[in-house]
Amino acid sequence: MAGECKVFFARNLQELFYQKKTISGLSIVGACTHISHLPEKSISSTLIPELTNIEKHERFIEFGPGVTLGRVLGIGEHHIPQVIYNALKTISNPFVRNCATIGGNICAGPQRLTLFSPLLALDAKLELKSPFETHYISLQNFTEIEKDFVLTKIRVPLSHWDIELYSRLGPAGQITEDSGGFTFLMSFEKGVITNIRIAFAGSITFRCTALENRLLGLRLPINTKEIDIYLNEAESQFIYAEEGRTPNKLLRSQFKNLMRTSLEQLT
């Protein structure tokens, strides 16, 4: 029958790898809350126990990609980074959050979804497995899951931040070309900036690494007269990330306003 979709299931990673190898054109899916149509042939990872684990360590917390957003939120704001908690609260409603998974939120594309910005700022790492090897990749270098590999863990550092800001852009409850996420993190010691992260994710995705390096080591409060210089540098990064795409002046303006609000907290 034309247009018929076939959905397969795997109970462990071995079955998943076997079916991917033997069935051509097989796409891995989770709860499918972000897609309107199933691929022609797909395999669900929702029955694989090791992909739904949460393990908390002293310096990081690891989530299986099949962990639901509602379950992550349920851990509580004192046990996960504040920006992750704040970002999760902006996602749809409890019903959707109890179905949608953290892996699906990260892997959806080409437009990045809500959690990508805070995870990018936190320098999260992804564990990818094939039948023969395992390797880790920084989210900053991630584009898509490589052929023959499966996302098996998301590792999120548990660092201390004195300032943790997350803002969601665009209409509530839906993803459009004007949607995006902005994250600003900063820590300081004895009045000196010791760590700073600035990330944006949506139709374009980037870290403001040049500006981060420029602000690192500055003594607080920063000079208010230099804020416009910092803003111009951040805007240049936004424009560079947009290269080859249709410019979104609304998002750029909102990004610049959020940057100003964040930097003014350091004056």
Protein backbone atom coordinates (compact mmCIF):
# COMPACT_ATOMS: atom_id res chain seq x y z
CA MET A 1 0.00 0.00 0.00
CA ALA A 2 1.46 3.38 -1.05
CA GLY A 3 2.44 5.61 1.83
CA GLU A 4 2.35 2.78 4.39
CA CYS A 5 4.74 3.27 7.32
CA LYS A 6 6.50 0.39 9.01
CA VAL A 7 7.57 0.73 12.63
CA PHE A 8 9.98 -1.75 14.23
CA PHE A 9 10.99 -2.08 17.88
CA ALA A 10 14.21 -3.05 19.63
CA ARG A 11 14.59 -4.22 23.22
CA ASN A 12 18.32 -3.53 23.47
CA LEU A 13 21.14 -1.88 21.54
CA GLN A 14 22.22 -5.16 19.93
CA GLU A 15 18.77 -5.58 18.37
CA LEU A 16 18.80 -1.94 17.29
CA PHE A 17 22.16 -2.27 15.52
CA TYR A 18 21.13 -5.57 13.94
CA GLN A 19 17.91 -4.18 12.50
CA LYS A 20 19.65 -1.02 11.25
CA LYS A 21 22.15 -3.22 9.44
CA THR A 22 19.61 -5.58 7.90
CA ILE A 23 16.79 -3.15 7.03
CA SER A 24 17.81 -0.46 4.58
CA GLY A 25 16.59 3.12 5.08
CA LEU A 26 15.66 2.57 8.73
CA SER A 27 15.32 5.75 10.82
CA ILE A 28 15.61 5.76 14.61
CA VAL A 29 12.71 7.52 16.34
CA GLY A 30 11.66 8.17 19.92
CA ALA A 31 8.34 9.62 21.02
CA CYS A 32 7.89 11.48 17.69
CA THR A 33 6.38 14.61 19.30
CA HIS A 34 8.21 16.93 16.88
CA ILE A 35 7.41 15.26 13.57
CA SER A 36 4.08 15.30 11.76
CA HIS A 37 4.74 12.20 9.62
CA LEU A 38 6.62 9.02 10.41
CA PRO A 39 9.45 7.97 8.08
CA GLU A 40 8.60 5.15 5.67
CA LYS A 41 10.62 2.74 7.83
CA SER A 42 11.48 3.55 11.44
CA ILE A 43 12.58 1.80 14.60
CA SER A 44 11.58 2.98 18.05
CA SER A 45 14.19 3.19 20.81
CA THR A 46 11.63 3.69 23.60
CA LEU A 47 11.80 0.06 24.83
CA ILE A 48 15.59 0.04 25.36
CA PRO A 49 16.19 0.36 29.15
CA GLU A 50 19.79 1.63 28.95
CA LEU A 51 18.64 4.63 26.91
CA THR A 52 16.33 5.79 29.70
CA ASN A 53 18.85 5.90 32.56
CA ILE A 54 19.84 8.96 34.61
CA GLU A 55 23.17 8.82 36.44
CA LYS A 56 24.37 11.67 38.64
CA HIS A 57 28.07 11.99 39.44
CA GLU A 58 30.04 14.57 41.40
CA ARG A 59 30.89 16.74 38.40
CA PHE A 60 28.29 15.81 35.80
CA ILE A 61 24.93 14.19 35.23
CA GLU A 62 24.24 11.78 32.36
CA PHE A 63 20.89 11.32 30.65
CA GLY A 64 19.93 8.54 28.30
CA PRO A 65 18.40 10.02 25.14
CA GLY A 66 15.10 8.26 25.91
CA VAL A 67 14.62 10.14 29.20
CA THR A 68 11.48 12.27 28.94
CA LEU A 69 11.63 16.03 29.46
CA GLY A 70 9.06 15.69 32.24
CA ARG A 71 11.31 13.26 34.07
CA VAL A 72 14.29 15.64 33.79
CA LEU A 73 12.13 18.48 35.11
CA GLY A 74 10.98 16.25 37.94
CA ILE A 75 14.54 15.90 39.26
CA GLY A 76 14.15 19.45 40.57
CA GLU A 77 15.95 22.73 40.04
CA HIS A 78 18.47 22.04 42.82
CA HIS A 79 19.77 18.86 41.15
CA ILE A 80 20.17 19.99 37.53
CA PRO A 81 21.63 23.22 36.10
CA GLN A 82 19.19 26.10 36.61
CA VAL A 83 19.19 27.05 32.92
CA ILE A 84 18.12 23.50 31.98
CA TYR A 85 15.26 23.68 34.47
CA ASN A 86 14.19 27.12 33.25
CA ALA A 87 14.34 26.04 29.60
CA LEU A 88 12.29 22.90 30.25
CA LYS A 89 9.49 24.94 31.85
CA THR A 90 9.01 26.84 28.58
CA ILE A 91 8.37 23.68 26.53
CA SER A 92 4.73 23.14 25.56
CA ASN A 93 2.70 21.50 28.36
CA PRO A 94 3.08 18.63 30.86
CA PHE A 95 1.49 16.10 28.49
CA VAL A 96 4.05 16.81 25.75
CA ARG A 97 6.94 16.97 28.23
CA ASN A 98 5.97 13.53 29.57
CA CYS A 99 6.28 12.09 26.06
CA ALA A 100 9.07 14.08 24.40
CA THR A 101 12.64 12.99 25.10
CA ILE A 102 15.87 14.85 25.69
CA GLY A 103 17.50 12.99 22.81
CA GLY A 104 14.72 14.01 20.45
CA ASN A 105 15.01 17.63 21.53
CA ILE A 106 18.74 17.63 20.77
CA CYS A 107 18.61 15.72 17.48
CA ALA A 108 15.68 17.55 15.92
CA GLY A 109 16.77 19.65 13.00
CA PRO A 110 17.67 21.57 11.03
CA GLN A 111 16.25 24.14 13.47
CA ARG A 112 17.52 23.55 16.99
CA LEU A 113 14.98 23.26 19.78
CA THR A 114 14.72 24.58 23.32
CA LEU A 115 17.41 22.62 25.19
CA PHE A 116 20.14 23.09 22.60
CA SER A 117 21.16 26.59 23.74
CA PRO A 118 21.62 25.81 27.46
CA LEU A 119 23.32 22.48 26.70
CA LEU A 120 25.64 24.24 24.25
CA ALA A 121 26.54 26.86 26.87
CA LEU A 122 27.14 24.15 29.48
CA ASP A 123 29.47 22.36 27.05
CA ALA A 124 27.45 19.14 27.12
CA LYS A 125 28.95 16.08 25.45
CA LEU A 126 27.23 13.31 23.54
CA GLU A 127 28.16 9.65 23.77
CA LEU A 128 27.77 7.95 20.39
CA LYS A 129 27.99 4.19 19.88
CA SER A 130 28.30 1.94 16.86
CA PRO A 131 28.50 -1.87 16.98
CA PHE A 132 32.30 -1.51 17.13
CA GLU A 133 33.23 1.70 18.98
CA THR A 134 32.19 4.45 21.37
CA HIS A 135 33.23 8.06 21.22
CA TYR A 136 32.28 11.41 22.74
CA ILE A 137 31.64 14.63 20.86
CA SER A 138 31.11 18.13 22.22
CA LEU A 139 27.69 19.55 21.41
CA GLN A 140 29.53 22.52 19.91
CA ASN A 141 30.85 20.20 17.17
CA PHE A 142 27.62 18.26 16.69
CA THR A 143 25.66 18.46 13.44
CA GLU A 144 23.91 15.11 13.14
CA ILE A 145 24.27 11.48 14.22
CA GLU A 146 26.84 9.73 12.06
CA LYS A 147 25.83 6.72 9.98
CA ASP A 148 25.96 3.45 11.95
CA PHE A 149 26.07 5.35 15.27
CA VAL A 150 23.41 5.80 17.95
CA LEU A 151 23.16 8.51 20.60
CA THR A 152 23.41 6.71 23.96
CA LYS A 153 24.15 9.41 26.57
CA ILE A 154 24.07 13.16 27.09
CA ARG A 155 26.69 14.26 29.64
CA VAL A 156 25.99 17.62 31.30
CA PRO A 157 28.65 19.23 33.53
CA LEU A 158 27.50 20.36 36.99
CA SER A 159 29.45 23.60 37.35
CA HIS A 160 28.77 26.54 39.65
CA TRP A 161 27.46 29.69 37.97
CA ASP A 162 26.81 33.00 39.74
CA ILE A 163 24.59 34.18 36.89
CA GLU A 164 22.40 31.77 34.89
CA LEU A 165 20.04 33.35 32.34
CA TYR A 166 17.85 31.62 29.79
CA SER A 167 15.37 33.31 27.46
CA ARG A 168 13.14 31.72 24.87
CA LEU A 169 12.31 33.73 21.77
CA GLY A 170 9.32 33.34 19.47
CA PRO A 171 5.68 32.34 20.01
CA ALA A 172 4.81 30.25 23.04
CA GLY A 173 4.00 26.59 22.52
CA GLN A 174 5.28 26.33 18.96
CA ILE A 175 8.45 26.43 16.90
CA THR A 176 8.70 28.92 14.03
CA GLU A 177 11.51 30.61 12.11
CA ASP A 178 11.43 33.32 14.81
CA SER A 179 11.98 30.83 17.64
CA GLY A 180 15.29 30.62 19.46
CA GLY A 181 16.97 30.13 22.80
CA PHE A 182 19.50 32.45 24.45
CA THR A 183 21.73 31.38 27.34
CA PHE A 184 24.13 33.51 29.38
CA LEU A 185 26.27 31.96 32.13
CA MET A 186 28.92 33.63 34.26
CA SER A 187 30.96 32.88 37.35
CA PHE A 188 33.34 35.18 39.16
CA GLU A 189 35.77 35.09 42.06
CA LYS A 190 36.95 38.10 44.05
CA GLY A 191 35.33 40.39 41.51
CA VAL A 192 37.04 38.82 38.48
CA ILE A 193 35.17 36.94 35.72
CA THR A 194 36.51 33.38 35.85
CA ASN A 195 34.13 31.73 33.37
CA ILE A 196 31.55 32.97 30.90
CA ARG A 197 29.41 31.25 28.26
CA ILE A 198 27.07 32.84 25.71
CA ALA A 199 25.03 30.62 23.38
CA PHE A 200 22.20 30.99 20.91
CA ALA A 201 20.27 28.22 19.14
CA GLY A 202 17.42 28.22 16.66
CA SER A 203 17.53 28.58 12.89
CA ILE A 204 21.21 29.42 13.49
CA THR A 205 23.31 28.09 16.35
CA PHE A 206 26.57 29.40 17.79
CA ARG A 207 28.67 30.19 20.85
CA CYS A 208 30.07 33.72 21.23
CA THR A 209 33.54 32.34 21.92
CA ALA A 210 35.42 35.46 20.78
CA LEU A 211 33.42 37.65 23.17
CA GLU A 212 33.71 35.07 25.94
CA ASN A 213 37.50 35.18 25.62
CA ARG A 214 37.47 38.97 25.63
CA LEU A 215 35.41 39.18 28.83
CA LEU A 216 37.26 36.40 30.64
CA GLY A 217 39.49 37.79 33.37
CA LEU A 218 37.88 41.25 33.47
CA ARG A 219 37.31 42.82 36.85
CA LEU A 220 33.75 43.67 37.81
CA PRO A 221 31.99 45.97 37.38
CA ILE A 222 32.70 46.25 33.67
CA ASN A 223 32.92 49.67 32.06
CA THR A 224 29.47 50.75 30.88
CA LYS A 225 31.06 52.73 28.04
CA GLU A 226 32.38 49.49 26.55
CA ILE A 227 29.05 47.64 26.44
CA ASP A 228 28.32 48.85 22.92
CA ILE A 229 31.70 47.50 21.81
CA TYR A 230 30.86 44.10 23.27
CA LEU A 231 27.40 44.22 21.67
CA ASN A 232 28.85 44.95 18.25
CA GLU A 233 31.18 41.99 18.62
CA ALA A 234 28.27 39.72 19.59
CA GLU A 235 26.18 41.00 16.68
CA SER A 236 29.06 40.31 14.30
CA GLN A 237 29.06 36.69 15.52
CA PHE A 238 25.31 36.48 14.86
CA ILE A 239 25.75 37.85 11.32
CA TYR A 240 28.63 35.45 10.66
CA ALA A 241 26.51 32.49 11.80
CA GLU A 242 23.73 33.64 9.43
CA GLU A 243 26.03 33.62 6.42
CA GLY A 244 24.38 31.85 3.49
CA ARG A 245 20.92 32.13 5.04
CA THR A 246 18.10 34.65 4.76
CA PRO A 247 18.81 37.25 7.50
CA ASN A 248 16.32 37.30 10.38
CA LYS A 249 16.41 40.90 11.59
CA LEU A 250 13.87 40.24 14.33
CA LEU A 251 15.95 37.47 15.93
CA ARG A 252 19.12 39.51 15.58
CA SER A 253 17.50 42.49 17.31
CA GLN A 254 16.14 40.29 20.11
CA PHE A 255 19.53 38.62 20.54
CA LYS A 256 21.23 42.01 20.82
CA ASN A 257 18.67 43.20 23.40
CA LEU A 258 19.20 40.07 25.50
CA MET A 259 22.96 40.56 25.28
CA ARG A 260 22.59 44.14 26.52
CA THR A 261 20.37 43.07 29.43
CA SER A 262 22.90 40.36 30.39
CA LEU A 263 25.95 42.61 30.18
CA GLU A 264 24.23 45.37 32.16
CA GLN A 265 24.06 42.95 35.09
CA LEU A 266 27.86 43.09 35.18
CA THR A 267 28.09 46.87 35.54
